Amino acid sequence: MTEKLTTAALCNLNLISQEEVAAAVETYLANAMAPPFVFKEGYRLDLGKAVRRHPGANDFVNRGNTGPLMKRPFILAAILEARPLRE
């Protein structure tokens, strides 16, 4: 399989857990410039790049008047639709 799968697809295959995805969201909320997030199975994802490349998340997260609770679902969507690389 040469196609890079989305994080959501990797979750469906049980290669990435929902807990890891939740931890990735929290990592981004704590530091948008954090180093790439590494999942247990060796997949890594640049969280900042994932959010920047997701049009809805990028627009919403960069609004100054939104708090973390409102940003969380957009960050989650960006991470689930991103395509992590395998180490």
N, C-alpha and C. Protein backbone atom coordinates (compact mmCIF):
# COMPACT_ATOMS: atom_id res chain seq x y z
N MET A 1 0.85 -1.17 0.00
CA MET A 1 0.00 0.00 0.00
C MET A 1 0.90 1.24 0.00
N THR A 2 0.85 2.01 -1.06
CA THR A 2 1.70 3.19 -1.16
C THR A 2 0.97 4.46 -0.78
N GLU A 3 -0.34 4.43 -0.75
CA GLU A 3 -1.12 5.62 -0.40
C GLU A 3 -0.98 5.89 1.10
N LYS A 4 -0.76 7.16 1.43
CA LYS A 4 -0.72 7.55 2.84
C LYS A 4 -2.15 7.66 3.35
N LEU A 5 -2.42 6.98 4.42
CA LEU A 5 -3.76 6.99 5.00
C LEU A 5 -3.94 8.18 5.93
N THR A 6 -5.18 8.60 6.08
CA THR A 6 -5.49 9.67 7.02
C THR A 6 -5.39 9.12 8.44
N THR A 7 -5.30 10.03 9.38
CA THR A 7 -5.30 9.62 10.78
C THR A 7 -6.58 8.86 11.11
N ALA A 8 -7.70 9.32 10.58
CA ALA A 8 -8.98 8.64 10.83
C ALA A 8 -8.94 7.21 10.31
N ALA A 9 -8.38 6.99 9.13
CA ALA A 9 -8.28 5.64 8.58
C ALA A 9 -7.36 4.78 9.44
N LEU A 10 -6.27 5.37 9.92
CA LEU A 10 -5.35 4.63 10.78
C LEU A 10 -6.03 4.28 12.11
N CYS A 11 -6.92 5.15 12.59
CA CYS A 11 -7.70 4.84 13.79
C CYS A 11 -8.63 3.66 13.53
N ASN A 12 -9.27 3.66 12.36
CA ASN A 12 -10.18 2.56 12.01
C ASN A 12 -9.44 1.23 11.91
N LEU A 13 -8.16 1.29 11.56
CA LEU A 13 -7.34 0.07 11.47
C LEU A 13 -6.67 -0.27 12.81
N ASN A 14 -7.00 0.49 13.83
CA ASN A 14 -6.43 0.31 15.18
C ASN A 14 -4.92 0.49 15.22
N LEU A 15 -4.40 1.32 14.33
CA LEU A 15 -2.97 1.65 14.34
C LEU A 15 -2.70 2.91 15.14
N ILE A 16 -3.72 3.73 15.30
CA ILE A 16 -3.66 4.93 16.14
C ILE A 16 -4.91 4.91 17.01
N SER A 17 -4.74 5.17 18.29
CA SER A 17 -5.89 5.13 19.21
C SER A 17 -6.54 6.50 19.33
N GLN A 18 -7.78 6.49 19.77
CA GLN A 18 -8.50 7.74 20.02
C GLN A 18 -7.81 8.53 21.13
N GLU A 19 -7.21 7.84 22.08
CA GLU A 19 -6.49 8.51 23.17
C GLU A 19 -5.28 9.27 22.62
N GLU A 20 -4.59 8.66 21.64
CA GLU A 20 -3.45 9.34 21.04
C GLU A 20 -3.89 10.58 20.27
N VAL A 21 -5.02 10.47 19.58
CA VAL A 21 -5.55 11.62 18.85
C VAL A 21 -5.91 12.73 19.83
N ALA A 22 -6.55 12.38 20.93
CA ALA A 22 -6.90 13.37 21.96
C ALA A 22 -5.64 14.02 22.52
N ALA A 23 -4.59 13.23 22.72
CA ALA A 23 -3.33 13.78 23.21
C ALA A 23 -2.71 14.73 22.19
N ALA A 24 -2.85 14.41 20.91
CA ALA A 24 -2.34 15.29 19.86
C ALA A 24 -3.08 16.63 19.86
N VAL A 25 -4.39 16.58 20.05
CA VAL A 25 -5.18 17.81 20.13
C VAL A 25 -4.70 18.66 21.30
N GLU A 26 -4.53 18.04 22.45
CA GLU A 26 -4.08 18.77 23.64
C GLU A 26 -2.67 19.33 23.44
N THR A 27 -1.82 18.58 22.76
CA THR A 27 -0.46 19.06 22.47
C THR A 27 -0.52 20.32 21.62
N TYR A 28 -1.37 20.31 20.59
CA TYR A 28 -1.49 21.49 19.74
C TYR A 28 -2.04 22.68 20.53
N LEU A 29 -3.05 22.43 21.35
CA LEU A 29 -3.62 23.53 22.14
C LEU A 29 -2.59 24.12 23.10
N ALA A 30 -1.70 23.30 23.61
CA ALA A 30 -0.67 23.78 24.54
C ALA A 30 0.44 24.52 23.81
N ASN A 31 0.74 24.10 22.57
CA ASN A 31 1.85 24.71 21.83
C ASN A 31 1.65 24.43 20.35
N ALA A 32 1.16 25.42 19.63
CA ALA A 32 0.91 25.26 18.19
C ALA A 32 2.20 25.03 17.40
N MET A 33 3.33 25.35 17.99
CA MET A 33 4.62 25.18 17.32
C MET A 33 5.37 23.96 17.85
N ALA A 34 4.66 23.04 18.45
CA ALA A 34 5.29 21.83 19.02
C ALA A 34 5.98 21.02 17.93
N PRO A 35 7.00 20.26 18.30
CA PRO A 35 7.62 19.37 17.31
C PRO A 35 6.61 18.33 16.85
N PRO A 36 6.89 17.64 15.76
CA PRO A 36 5.94 16.64 15.26
C PRO A 36 5.52 15.66 16.36
N PHE A 37 4.24 15.37 16.36
CA PHE A 37 3.66 14.43 17.33
C PHE A 37 3.92 13.02 16.81
N VAL A 38 4.43 12.16 17.68
CA VAL A 38 4.73 10.77 17.29
C VAL A 38 3.73 9.84 17.95
N PHE A 39 3.01 9.10 17.13
CA PHE A 39 2.07 8.10 17.61
C PHE A 39 2.83 6.81 17.92
N LYS A 40 2.26 5.95 18.74
CA LYS A 40 2.95 4.74 19.22
C LYS A 40 3.40 3.81 18.11
N GLU A 41 2.67 3.71 17.04
CA GLU A 41 3.02 2.80 15.94
C GLU A 41 4.06 3.39 14.99
N GLY A 42 4.64 4.54 15.36
CA GLY A 42 5.70 5.12 14.55
C GLY A 42 5.24 6.14 13.53
N TYR A 43 3.98 6.49 13.54
CA TYR A 43 3.50 7.55 12.65
C TYR A 43 3.78 8.89 13.32
N ARG A 44 4.15 9.87 12.51
CA ARG A 44 4.41 11.20 13.05
C ARG A 44 3.63 12.23 12.24
N LEU A 45 3.21 13.28 12.94
CA LEU A 45 2.38 14.30 12.31
C LEU A 45 2.78 15.67 12.81
N ASP A 46 3.04 16.57 11.88
CA ASP A 46 3.30 17.97 12.21
C ASP A 46 1.93 18.61 12.45
N LEU A 47 1.59 18.82 13.70
CA LEU A 47 0.26 19.30 14.06
C LEU A 47 -0.02 20.69 13.51
N GLY A 48 0.97 21.57 13.58
CA GLY A 48 0.79 22.92 13.06
C GLY A 48 0.51 22.91 11.57
N LYS A 49 1.23 22.08 10.84
CA LYS A 49 1.02 21.98 9.40
C LYS A 49 -0.36 21.39 9.10
N ALA A 50 -0.78 20.41 9.89
CA ALA A 50 -2.10 19.80 9.69
C ALA A 50 -3.20 20.85 9.84
N VAL A 51 -3.08 21.70 10.85
CA VAL A 51 -4.09 22.74 11.07
C VAL A 51 -4.02 23.79 9.97
N ARG A 52 -2.81 24.19 9.58
CA ARG A 52 -2.67 25.20 8.52
C ARG A 52 -3.24 24.72 7.19
N ARG A 53 -3.12 23.44 6.91
CA ARG A 53 -3.59 22.90 5.63
C ARG A 53 -5.09 22.61 5.62
N HIS A 54 -5.72 22.64 6.75
CA HIS A 54 -7.16 22.39 6.84
C HIS A 54 -7.86 23.74 6.81
N PRO A 55 -8.59 24.05 5.72
CA PRO A 55 -9.13 25.41 5.58
C PRO A 55 -10.02 25.87 6.73
N GLY A 56 -10.93 25.04 7.18
CA GLY A 56 -11.81 25.45 8.27
C GLY A 56 -11.07 25.64 9.57
N ALA A 57 -10.19 24.70 9.88
CA ALA A 57 -9.44 24.79 11.13
C ALA A 57 -8.51 25.99 11.12
N ASN A 58 -7.81 26.20 10.02
CA ASN A 58 -6.87 27.31 9.95
C ASN A 58 -7.58 28.64 10.16
N ASP A 59 -8.70 28.83 9.50
CA ASP A 59 -9.44 30.09 9.65
C ASP A 59 -9.95 30.27 11.07
N PHE A 60 -10.52 29.23 11.63
CA PHE A 60 -11.15 29.34 12.94
C PHE A 60 -10.13 29.47 14.06
N VAL A 61 -9.09 28.67 14.02
CA VAL A 61 -8.09 28.66 15.09
C VAL A 61 -7.36 30.00 15.18
N ASN A 62 -7.20 30.67 14.05
CA ASN A 62 -6.47 31.93 14.04
C ASN A 62 -7.32 33.15 14.41
N ARG A 63 -8.58 32.94 14.69
CA ARG A 63 -9.41 34.04 15.18
C ARG A 63 -8.98 34.36 16.61
N GLY A 64 -8.88 35.60 16.91
CA GLY A 64 -8.41 36.00 18.23
C GLY A 64 -9.43 35.85 19.34
N ASN A 65 -10.70 35.77 19.00
CA ASN A 65 -11.74 35.78 20.03
C ASN A 65 -12.31 34.40 20.33
N THR A 66 -11.58 33.34 20.01
CA THR A 66 -12.08 31.99 20.28
C THR A 66 -11.22 31.31 21.33
N GLY A 67 -11.88 30.62 22.23
CA GLY A 67 -11.18 29.91 23.29
C GLY A 67 -10.89 28.47 22.90
N PRO A 68 -10.14 27.78 23.76
CA PRO A 68 -9.74 26.40 23.45
C PRO A 68 -10.91 25.43 23.25
N LEU A 69 -11.99 25.63 23.98
CA LEU A 69 -13.13 24.72 23.82
C LEU A 69 -13.76 24.83 22.44
N MET A 70 -13.74 26.02 21.87
CA MET A 70 -14.30 26.20 20.53
C MET A 70 -13.31 25.76 19.46
N LYS A 71 -12.02 25.83 19.75
CA LYS A 71 -11.00 25.44 18.77
C LYS A 71 -10.85 23.93 18.67
N ARG A 72 -11.08 23.25 19.78
CA ARG A 72 -10.81 21.80 19.87
C ARG A 72 -11.43 20.98 18.73
N PRO A 73 -12.72 21.14 18.38
CA PRO A 73 -13.27 20.30 17.30
C PRO A 73 -12.64 20.57 15.94
N PHE A 74 -12.22 21.81 15.71
CA PHE A 74 -11.57 22.13 14.44
C PHE A 74 -10.18 21.52 14.37
N ILE A 75 -9.47 21.56 15.47
CA ILE A 75 -8.14 20.93 15.53
C ILE A 75 -8.28 19.42 15.37
N LEU A 76 -9.27 18.84 16.02
CA LEU A 76 -9.52 17.41 15.89
C LEU A 76 -9.79 17.04 14.43
N ALA A 77 -10.63 17.81 13.75
CA ALA A 77 -10.93 17.53 12.35
C ALA A 77 -9.66 17.60 11.50
N ALA A 78 -8.83 18.61 11.75
CA ALA A 78 -7.59 18.76 10.98
C ALA A 78 -6.67 17.56 11.19
N ILE A 79 -6.56 17.11 12.42
CA ILE A 79 -5.69 15.96 12.73
C ILE A 79 -6.24 14.68 12.11
N LEU A 80 -7.54 14.47 12.20
CA LEU A 80 -8.14 13.25 11.65
C LEU A 80 -8.04 13.19 10.13
N GLU A 81 -8.05 14.34 9.47
CA GLU A 81 -7.98 14.37 8.01
C GLU A 81 -6.55 14.43 7.48
N ALA A 82 -5.60 14.67 8.37
CA ALA A 82 -4.19 14.74 7.95
C ALA A 82 -3.66 13.34 7.66
N ARG A 83 -2.52 13.30 6.99
CA ARG A 83 -1.90 12.03 6.61
C ARG A 83 -0.53 11.91 7.26
N PRO A 84 -0.47 11.25 8.41
CA PRO A 84 0.82 11.12 9.10
C PRO A 84 1.81 10.30 8.29
N LEU A 85 3.08 10.58 8.53
CA LEU A 85 4.17 9.83 7.89
C LEU A 85 4.61 8.72 8.82
N ARG A 86 5.08 7.63 8.25
CA ARG A 86 5.58 6.51 9.05
C ARG A 86 7.08 6.67 9.21
N GLU A 87 7.56 6.51 10.42
CA GLU A 87 9.00 6.63 10.68
C GLU A 87 9.73 5.43 10.15
